C-alpha atoms as a PDB file:
ATOM      1  CA  MET A   1      82.823 -86.569  22.475  1.00  0.00           C
ATOM      2  CA  VAL A   2      83.387 -84.959  25.855  1.00  0.00           C
ATOM      3  CA  LYS A   3      86.694 -83.622  24.602  1.00  0.00           C
ATOM      4  CA  LYS A   4      85.025 -81.978  21.583  1.00  0.00           C
ATOM      5  CA  ALA A   5      82.371 -80.370  23.775  1.00  0.00           C
ATOM      6  CA  ALA A   6      85.000 -78.927  26.080  1.00  0.00           C
ATOM      7  CA  ILE A   7      86.878 -77.398  23.129  1.00  0.00           C
ATOM      8  CA  PHE A   8      83.610 -75.836  21.795  1.00  0.00           C
ATOM      9  CA  ILE A   9      82.848 -74.238  25.160  1.00  0.00           C
ATOM     10  CA  LEU A  10      86.382 -72.790  25.415  1.00  0.00           C
ATOM     11  CA  LEU A  11      85.988 -71.191  21.973  1.00  0.00           C
ATOM     12  CA  LEU A  12      82.538 -69.751  22.803  1.00  0.00           C
ATOM     13  CA  ILE A  13      83.479 -68.010  26.072  1.00  0.00           C
ATOM     14  CA  PRO A  14      85.569 -65.151  24.497  1.00  0.00           C
ATOM     15  CA  ASN A  15      82.786 -64.398  22.025  1.00  0.00           C
ATOM     16  CA  LEU A  16      80.272 -64.115  24.860  1.00  0.00           C
ATOM     17  CA  TYR A  17      82.623 -61.861  26.765  1.00  0.00           C
ATOM     18  CA  ASN A  18      83.004 -59.446  23.831  1.00  0.00           C
ATOM     19  CA  ALA A  19      79.343 -59.485  22.932  1.00  0.00           C
ATOM     20  CA  GLN A  20      77.368 -56.222  23.273  1.00  0.00           C
ATOM     21  CA  ILE A  21      73.733 -55.856  24.088  1.00  0.00           C
ATOM     22  CA  ILE A  22      72.099 -53.827  21.348  1.00  0.00           C
ATOM     23  CA  THR A  23      68.939 -52.051  22.252  1.00  0.00           C
ATOM     24  CA  PRO A  24      66.893 -49.917  19.950  1.00  0.00           C
ATOM     25  CA  GLU A  25      67.677 -46.237  20.232  1.00  0.00           C
ATOM     26  CA  GLN A  26      64.991 -44.306  22.046  1.00  0.00           C
ATOM     27  CA  LYS A  27      64.234 -41.115  20.183  1.00  0.00           C
ATOM     28  CA  GLU A  28      63.296 -38.134  22.256  1.00  0.00           C
ATOM     29  CA  PRO A  29      59.762 -36.963  21.493  1.00  0.00           C
ATOM     30  CA  GLU A  30      59.839 -33.959  19.224  1.00  0.00           C
ATOM     31  CA  LYS A  31      58.523 -30.881  20.825  1.00  0.00           C
ATOM     32  CA  LYS A  32      55.781 -29.387  18.790  1.00  0.00           C
ATOM     33  CA  LYS A  33      56.582 -25.827  18.093  1.00  0.00           C
ATOM     34  CA  LYS A  34      53.617 -23.581  18.166  1.00  0.00           C
ATOM     35  CA  GLU A  35      53.590 -21.598  15.026  1.00  0.00           C
ATOM     36  CA  GLN A  36      52.699 -18.063  15.703  1.00  0.00           C
ATOM     37  CA  LYS A  37      50.148 -17.236  13.099  1.00  0.00           C
ATOM     38  CA  THR A  38      50.222 -13.569  12.274  1.00  0.00           C
ATOM     39  CA  LYS A  39      47.119 -12.229  10.616  1.00  0.00           C
ATOM     40  CA  GLU A  40      47.982 -10.647   7.327  1.00  0.00           C
ATOM     41  CA  VAL A  41      46.313  -7.277   7.023  1.00  0.00           C
ATOM     42  CA  LYS A  42      45.101  -7.223   3.473  1.00  0.00           C
ATOM     43  CA  PRO A  43      44.766  -3.797   1.905  1.00  0.00           C
ATOM     44  CA  ILE A  44      41.146  -2.793   1.373  1.00  0.00           C
ATOM     45  CA  GLN A  45      40.461  -3.031  -2.304  1.00  0.00           C
ATOM     46  CA  LYS A  46      37.830  -0.634  -3.586  1.00  0.00           C
ATOM     47  CA  SER A  47      36.102  -0.726  -6.933  1.00  0.00           C
ATOM     48  CA  GLY A  48      36.608   2.990  -7.539  1.00  0.00           C
ATOM     49  CA  THR A  49      32.859   3.596  -7.504  1.00  0.00           C
ATOM     50  CA  GLU A  50      31.413   6.353  -5.294  1.00  0.00           C
ATOM     51  CA  LEU A  51      27.861   7.003  -4.159  1.00  0.00           C
ATOM     52  CA  TYR A  52      27.145  10.654  -3.425  1.00  0.00           C
ATOM     53  CA  PHE A  53      24.353  12.587  -1.715  1.00  0.00           C
ATOM     54  CA  GLY A  54      24.384  16.383  -1.841  1.00  0.00           C
ATOM     55  CA  VAL A  55      22.517  19.659  -1.446  1.00  0.00           C
ATOM     56  CA  ASN A  56      22.705  22.593  -3.870  1.00  0.00           C
ATOM     57  CA  PRO A  57      22.128  26.057  -2.419  1.00  0.00           C
ATOM     58  CA  ALA A  58      22.396  28.501  -5.314  1.00  0.00           C
ATOM     59  CA  PHE A  59      21.571  32.041  -6.345  1.00  0.00           C
ATOM     60  CA  THR A  60      19.334  31.870  -9.405  1.00  0.00           C
ATOM     61  CA  TYR A  61      18.267  34.422 -11.992  1.00  0.00           C
ATOM     62  CA  ARG A  62      17.409  34.495 -15.699  1.00  0.00           C
ATOM     63  CA  THR A  63      17.748  36.269 -18.986  1.00  0.00           C
ATOM     64  CA  LEU A  64      14.382  37.409 -20.332  1.00  0.00           C
ATOM     65  CA  GLU A  65      13.530  38.635 -23.806  1.00  0.00           C
ATOM     66  CA  GLN A  66      10.358  39.367 -25.673  1.00  0.00           C
ATOM     67  CA  ASN A  67       9.331  36.536 -27.964  1.00  0.00           C
ATOM     68  CA  GLU A  68       9.508  37.725 -31.547  1.00  0.00           C
ATOM     69  CA  GLY A  69       6.382  37.326 -33.641  1.00  0.00           C
ATOM     70  CA  ILE A  70       2.669  37.467 -32.963  1.00  0.00           C
ATOM     71  CA  PHE A  71       2.938  35.839 -29.528  1.00  0.00           C
ATOM     72  CA  GLY A  72       5.421  38.252 -27.982  1.00  0.00           C
ATOM     73  CA  LYS A  73       4.557  40.813 -25.322  1.00  0.00           C
ATOM     74  CA  PRO A  74       6.568  43.674 -23.804  1.00  0.00           C
ATOM     75  CA  LEU A  75       8.469  42.722 -20.670  1.00  0.00           C
ATOM     76  CA  GLY A  76       6.808  45.436 -18.581  1.00  0.00           C
ATOM     77  CA  TYR A  77       7.331  45.080 -14.845  1.00  0.00           C
ATOM     78  CA  ARG A  78       9.144  41.758 -15.383  1.00  0.00           C
ATOM     79  CA  GLU A  79      12.243  43.768 -16.201  1.00  0.00           C
ATOM     80  CA  SER A  80      12.399  44.629 -12.480  1.00  0.00           C
ATOM     81  CA  GLU A  81      12.411  41.025 -11.258  1.00  0.00           C
ATOM     82  CA  ILE A  82      15.335  40.072  -9.039  1.00  0.00           C
ATOM     83  CA  GLY A  83      17.053  36.737  -8.499  1.00  0.00           C
ATOM     84  CA  LYS A  84      16.602  34.581  -5.404  1.00  0.00           C
ATOM     85  CA  TRP A  85      18.371  31.740  -3.595  1.00  0.00           C
ATOM     86  CA  THR A  86      16.968  28.230  -3.880  1.00  0.00           C
ATOM     87  CA  THR A  87      18.033  24.809  -2.608  1.00  0.00           C
ATOM     88  CA  GLY A  88      18.184  21.583  -4.593  1.00  0.00           C
ATOM     89  CA  PHE A  89      19.069  17.990  -3.801  1.00  0.00           C
ATOM     90  CA  ASN A  90      20.944  15.326  -5.721  1.00  0.00           C
ATOM     91  CA  ALA A  91      22.197  11.757  -5.450  1.00  0.00           C
ATOM     92  CA  GLY A  92      24.086   9.530  -7.818  1.00  0.00           C
ATOM     93  CA  VAL A  93      27.118   7.454  -8.611  1.00  0.00           C
ATOM     94  CA  ARG A  94      30.632   8.291  -9.794  1.00  0.00           C
ATOM     95  CA  THR A  95      32.630   5.670 -11.694  1.00  0.00           C
ATOM     96  CA  LYS A  96      36.313   5.776 -12.604  1.00  0.00           C
ATOM     97  CA  LEU A  97      36.986   5.736 -16.331  1.00  0.00           C
ATOM     98  CA  SER A  98      40.745   5.997 -15.770  1.00  0.00           C
ATOM     99  CA  LYS A  99      43.136   6.937 -12.985  1.00  0.00           C
ATOM    100  CA  HIS A 100      42.038  10.580 -12.916  1.00  0.00           C
ATOM    101  CA  ILE A 101      38.806  10.682 -14.954  1.00  0.00           C
ATOM    102  CA  LYS A 102      35.375  10.020 -13.436  1.00  0.00           C
ATOM    103  CA  LEU A 103      31.881   9.785 -14.887  1.00  0.00           C
ATOM    104  CA  ALA A 104      29.077  10.978 -12.583  1.00  0.00           C
ATOM    105  CA  ILE A 105      25.401  10.223 -13.230  1.00  0.00           C
ATOM    106  CA  GLY A 106      22.613  11.179 -10.843  1.00  0.00           C
ATOM    107  CA  ILE A 107      19.093  12.329 -10.180  1.00  0.00           C
ATOM    108  CA  GLY A 108      17.875  15.302  -8.197  1.00  0.00           C
ATOM    109  CA  TYR A 109      15.510  18.170  -7.644  1.00  0.00           C
ATOM    110  CA  SER A 110      16.409  21.642  -8.893  1.00  0.00           C
ATOM    111  CA  SER A 111      14.664  24.991  -9.115  1.00  0.00           C
ATOM    112  CA  ASN A 112      15.178  28.618 -10.040  1.00  0.00           C
ATOM    113  CA  ARG A 113      13.344  31.609  -8.647  1.00  0.00           C
ATOM    114  CA  VAL A 114      12.615  35.276  -9.277  1.00  0.00           C
ATOM    115  CA  HIS A 115      10.921  37.895  -7.124  1.00  0.00           C
ATOM    116  CA  TYR A 116       9.114  41.138  -7.882  1.00  0.00           C
ATOM    117  CA  ASP A 117       8.016  43.704  -5.303  1.00  0.00           C
ATOM    118  CA  TYR A 118       5.956  46.827  -5.887  1.00  0.00           C
ATOM    119  CA  THR A 119       4.946  48.334  -2.566  1.00  0.00           C
ATOM    120  CA  GLN A 120       3.262  51.704  -2.086  1.00  0.00           C
ATOM    121  CA  LYS A 121       1.324  53.238   0.770  1.00  0.00           C
ATOM    122  CA  ASP A 122      -2.024  52.102  -0.547  1.00  0.00           C
ATOM    123  CA  SER A 123      -0.978  49.400  -3.006  1.00  0.00           C
ATOM    124  CA  ILE A 124       1.024  46.169  -2.947  1.00  0.00           C
ATOM    125  CA  PHE A 125       1.843  43.857  -5.809  1.00  0.00           C
ATOM    126  CA  ARG A 126       4.443  41.289  -4.887  1.00  0.00           C
ATOM    127  CA  TYR A 127       5.142  37.856  -6.307  1.00  0.00           C
ATOM    128  CA  THR A 128       7.658  35.019  -6.259  1.00  0.00           C
ATOM    129  CA  ASN A 129       7.874  32.540  -9.123  1.00  0.00           C
ATOM    130  CA  THR A 130       9.653  29.230  -8.531  1.00  0.00           C
ATOM    131  CA  TYR A 131      10.330  26.972 -11.525  1.00  0.00           C
ATOM    132  CA  ARG A 132      10.682  23.365 -10.340  1.00  0.00           C
ATOM    133  CA  HIS A 133      12.295  20.400 -12.093  1.00  0.00           C
ATOM    134  CA  ILE A 134      13.470  16.827 -11.754  1.00  0.00           C
ATOM    135  CA  SER A 135      17.086  16.847 -12.912  1.00  0.00           C
ATOM    136  CA  PHE A 136      19.429  14.165 -14.268  1.00  0.00           C
ATOM    137  CA  PRO A 137      23.014  15.471 -14.017  1.00  0.00           C
ATOM    138  CA  ILE A 138      25.677  13.830 -16.198  1.00  0.00           C
ATOM    139  CA  ASN A 139      29.210  14.968 -15.508  1.00  0.00           C
ATOM    140  CA  VAL A 140      32.749  14.098 -16.621  1.00  0.00           C
ATOM    141  CA  ALA A 141      35.331  15.143 -14.041  1.00  0.00           C
ATOM    142  CA  TYR A 142      39.077  15.261 -13.512  1.00  0.00           C
ATOM    143  CA  SER A 143      40.204  14.250 -10.018  1.00  0.00           C
ATOM    144  CA  TYR A 144      43.750  14.408  -8.641  1.00  0.00           C
ATOM    145  CA  GLY A 145      44.957  13.483  -5.159  1.00  0.00           C
ATOM    146  CA  GLU A 146      44.426  10.895  -2.451  1.00  0.00           C
ATOM    147  CA  ASP A 147      42.956  11.872   0.930  1.00  0.00           C
ATOM    148  CA  ILE A 148      42.373  15.456  -0.201  1.00  0.00           C
ATOM    149  CA  SER A 149      41.829  15.685  -3.922  1.00  0.00           C
ATOM    150  CA  PHE A 150      41.103  18.357  -6.496  1.00  0.00           C
ATOM    151  CA  TYR A 151      37.875  17.896  -8.470  1.00  0.00           C
ATOM    152  CA  GLY A 152      36.800  19.711 -11.614  1.00  0.00           C
ATOM    153  CA  GLY A 153      34.047  18.708 -13.986  1.00  0.00           C
ATOM    154  CA  ILE A 154      31.772  19.762 -16.814  1.00  0.00           C
ATOM    155  CA  GLY A 155      28.540  18.240 -17.993  1.00  0.00           C
ATOM    156  CA  ILE A 156      24.911  18.544 -18.946  1.00  0.00           C
ATOM    157  CA  ILE A 157      21.744  18.378 -16.865  1.00  0.00           C
ATOM    158  CA  PRO A 158      18.615  17.190 -18.669  1.00  0.00           C
ATOM    159  CA  LYS A 159      15.555  18.381 -16.727  1.00  0.00           C
ATOM    160  CA  ALA A 160      11.876  17.483 -16.644  1.00  0.00           C
ATOM    161  CA  PHE A 161       9.696  20.502 -15.850  1.00  0.00           C
ATOM    162  CA  LEU A 162       7.271  19.889 -12.986  1.00  0.00           C
ATOM    163  CA  SER A 163       5.509  23.207 -12.471  1.00  0.00           C
ATOM    164  CA  MET A 164       5.873  26.885 -11.754  1.00  0.00           C
ATOM    165  CA  LYS A 165       4.768  27.870  -8.270  1.00  0.00           C
ATOM    166  CA  ASN A 166       3.453  31.430  -8.150  1.00  0.00           C
ATOM    167  CA  GLU A 167       2.907  33.221  -4.836  1.00  0.00           C
ATOM    168  CA  THR A 168       1.268  36.630  -5.282  1.00  0.00           C
ATOM    169  CA  THR A 169       0.588  39.110  -2.479  1.00  0.00           C
ATOM    170  CA  THR A 170      -1.874  42.009  -2.807  1.00  0.00           C
ATOM    171  CA  LEU A 171      -4.089  44.081  -0.513  1.00  0.00           C
ATOM    172  CA  ASP A 172      -7.684  43.040   0.080  1.00  0.00           C
ATOM    173  CA  ASP A 173     -10.623  45.426   0.497  1.00  0.00           C
ATOM    174  CA  PHE A 174      -9.610  46.069   4.111  1.00  0.00           C
ATOM    175  CA  ASP A 175      -5.979  46.866   3.257  1.00  0.00           C
ATOM    176  CA  ASN A 176      -4.744  43.576   4.645  1.00  0.00           C
ATOM    177  CA  GLU A 177      -2.088  41.617   2.785  1.00  0.00           C
ATOM    178  CA  GLU A 178      -3.448  38.549   1.060  1.00  0.00           C
ATOM    179  CA  THR A 179      -1.271  35.880  -0.575  1.00  0.00           C
ATOM    180  CA  GLN A 180      -2.523  33.457  -3.183  1.00  0.00           C
ATOM    181  CA  GLU A 181      -0.618  30.409  -4.373  1.00  0.00           C
ATOM    182  CA  ASN A 182      -1.005  29.002  -7.872  1.00  0.00           C
ATOM    183  CA  ILE A 183       0.600  26.001  -9.569  1.00  0.00           C
ATOM    184  CA  ILE A 184       1.034  26.629 -13.299  1.00  0.00           C
ATOM    185  CA  ARG A 185       2.174  24.128 -15.951  1.00  0.00           C
ATOM    186  CA  ASP A 186       1.280  25.866 -19.238  1.00  0.00           C
ATOM    187  CA  PRO A 187       2.676  27.295 -21.496  1.00  0.00           C
ATOM    188  CA  TYR A 188       6.017  25.870 -20.362  1.00  0.00           C
ATOM    189  CA  GLN A 189       8.225  23.309 -22.081  1.00  0.00           C
ATOM    190  CA  PHE A 190       8.537  19.900 -20.452  1.00  0.00           C
ATOM    191  CA  PHE A 191      12.087  19.015 -21.536  1.00  0.00           C
ATOM    192  CA  LEU A 192      14.916  21.400 -20.662  1.00  0.00           C
ATOM    193  CA  ILE A 193      18.680  21.107 -20.574  1.00  0.00           C
ATOM    194  CA  ASP A 194      21.461  22.886 -18.678  1.00  0.00           C
ATOM    195  CA  VAL A 195      25.201  22.991 -19.100  1.00  0.00           C
ATOM    196  CA  ALA A 196      27.092  22.881 -15.813  1.00  0.00           C
ATOM    197  CA  ALA A 197      30.611  23.196 -14.432  1.00  0.00           C
ATOM    198  CA  GLN A 198      31.987  22.297 -11.005  1.00  0.00           C
ATOM    199  CA  ILE A 199      35.271  22.889  -9.229  1.00  0.00           C
ATOM    200  CA  GLY A 200      36.140  21.927  -5.684  1.00  0.00           C
ATOM    201  CA  THR A 201      37.580  19.233  -3.462  1.00  0.00           C
ATOM    202  CA  GLN A 202      36.914  15.743  -2.122  1.00  0.00           C
ATOM    203  CA  ILE A 203      38.082  14.832   1.390  1.00  0.00           C
ATOM    204  CA  LYS A 204      38.383  11.192   2.499  1.00  0.00           C
ATOM    205  CA  PHE A 205      37.816  10.530   6.209  1.00  0.00           C
ATOM    206  CA  SER A 206      38.341   6.763   5.837  1.00  0.00           C
ATOM    207  CA  PRO A 207      38.493   4.138   3.080  1.00  0.00           C
ATOM    208  CA  HIS A 208      34.703   3.985   3.296  1.00  0.00           C
ATOM    209  CA  TYR A 209      33.369   7.542   3.293  1.00  0.00           C
ATOM    210  CA  GLY A 210      34.197  11.204   2.839  1.00  0.00           C
ATOM    211  CA  VAL A 211      32.756  14.592   1.915  1.00  0.00           C
ATOM    212  CA  PHE A 212      32.853  16.891  -1.089  1.00  0.00           C
ATOM    213  CA  PHE A 213      32.573  20.651  -1.504  1.00  0.00           C
ATOM    214  CA  MET A 214      32.087  22.185  -4.944  1.00  0.00           C
ATOM    215  CA  VAL A 215      31.378  25.564  -6.457  1.00  0.00           C
ATOM    216  CA  GLU A 216      28.893  25.043  -9.265  1.00  0.00           C
ATOM    217  CA  GLY A 217      27.559  27.099 -12.157  1.00  0.00           C
ATOM    218  CA  ARG A 218      24.582  26.195 -14.370  1.00  0.00           C
ATOM    219  CA  ARG A 219      23.032  27.739 -17.466  1.00  0.00           C
ATOM    220  CA  GLN A 220      19.838  26.619 -19.193  1.00  0.00           C
ATOM    221  CA  LEU A 221      20.210  26.333 -22.965  1.00  0.00           C
ATOM    222  CA  ASN A 222      16.608  26.334 -24.152  1.00  0.00           C
ATOM    223  CA  ASN A 223      13.578  28.474 -23.435  1.00  0.00           C
ATOM    224  CA  ASN A 224      11.282  27.821 -20.479  1.00  0.00           C
ATOM    225  CA  PHE A 225       8.295  28.882 -22.567  1.00  0.00           C
ATOM    226  CA  SER A 226       6.834  27.069 -25.538  1.00  0.00           C
ATOM    227  CA  LYS A 227       6.951  28.636 -29.000  1.00  0.00           C
ATOM    228  CA  GLN A 228       3.595  30.271 -28.296  1.00  0.00           C
ATOM    229  CA  GLY A 229       4.843  31.784 -25.041  1.00  0.00           C
ATOM    230  CA  ASP A 230       5.189  35.503 -24.402  1.00  0.00           C
ATOM    231  CA  PHE A 231       8.913  35.503 -23.596  1.00  0.00           C
ATOM    232  CA  ILE A 232      12.232  33.766 -24.066  1.00  0.00           C
ATOM    233  CA  ARG A 233      13.412  32.838 -20.599  1.00  0.00           C
ATOM    234  CA  LYS A 234      16.727  31.110 -19.830  1.00  0.00           C
ATOM    235  CA  PRO A 235      17.680  30.814 -16.152  1.00  0.00           C
ATOM    236  CA  PHE A 236      21.146  30.422 -14.680  1.00  0.00           C
ATOM    237  CA  ALA A 237      22.532  29.676 -11.235  1.00  0.00           C
ATOM    238  CA  ILE A 238      25.753  29.914  -9.278  1.00  0.00           C
ATOM    239  CA  GLY A 239      26.138  28.240  -5.933  1.00  0.00           C
ATOM    240  CA  PHE A 240      27.468  25.204  -4.127  1.00  0.00           C
ATOM    241  CA  ASN A 241      27.203  21.434  -4.187  1.00  0.00           C
ATOM    242  CA  VAL A 242      28.023  19.977  -0.775  1.00  0.00           C
ATOM    243  CA  GLY A 243      27.513  16.461   0.521  1.00  0.00           C
ATOM    244  CA  ILE A 244      28.801  13.063   1.582  1.00  0.00           C
ATOM    245  CA  GLU A 245      30.182  10.213  -0.501  1.00  0.00           C
ATOM    246  CA  VAL A 246      30.483   6.480   0.130  1.00  0.00           C
ATOM    247  CA  TYR A 247      33.261   4.420  -1.474  1.00  0.00           C
ATOM    248  CA  LEU A 248      32.370   0.963  -2.774  1.00  0.00           C
END
């Protein structure tokens, strides 16, 4: 038995000598890399819709004819009336119908004015007539360009007649000038309509707002007076439409 044990020990020693100690591999901790997050600048997407707010200084005048029939009267001193400048206001929205075509719809205030002046040493007869309306411009326009663009449009302007403001100046009994103001609504038509044309430019200052500058012409198609009126009066205007626009 002792002999067998001694042989077993002799056989075991070489194996112990060649044995290797195996230890689990220690993995180095992974360094967390900080990802540099760059903010993506997304292009500002606009709907193509524009809000506009403008003023319309314009020189206004009219054509005037005697109404044919029993209601007509000679023009008389009205033939010597002269045109005058007026100022209107408008606001509305422009919507893209295609890449270059826009539809503009708005609301505003418009007027046209004439003046007559007869002044002598001992006599004065002077008046200014201002025809005032609420207007609803509808315009189809062609626009070409980016930051500075060409703009040209045509359209119609339905109008609701408000009143005619008459300011008449005469001499009183003491030869002092006296001015009376009257607001007249009859015998004028309530519904009127103009044709209009614009040409000009739009200038973008940023993706959010810009300005516009237009030359504008307008011509009324129907008569200011009713069928029982004395005259056939159709005003026209040529002037400017200038304002700011906001891009949505």
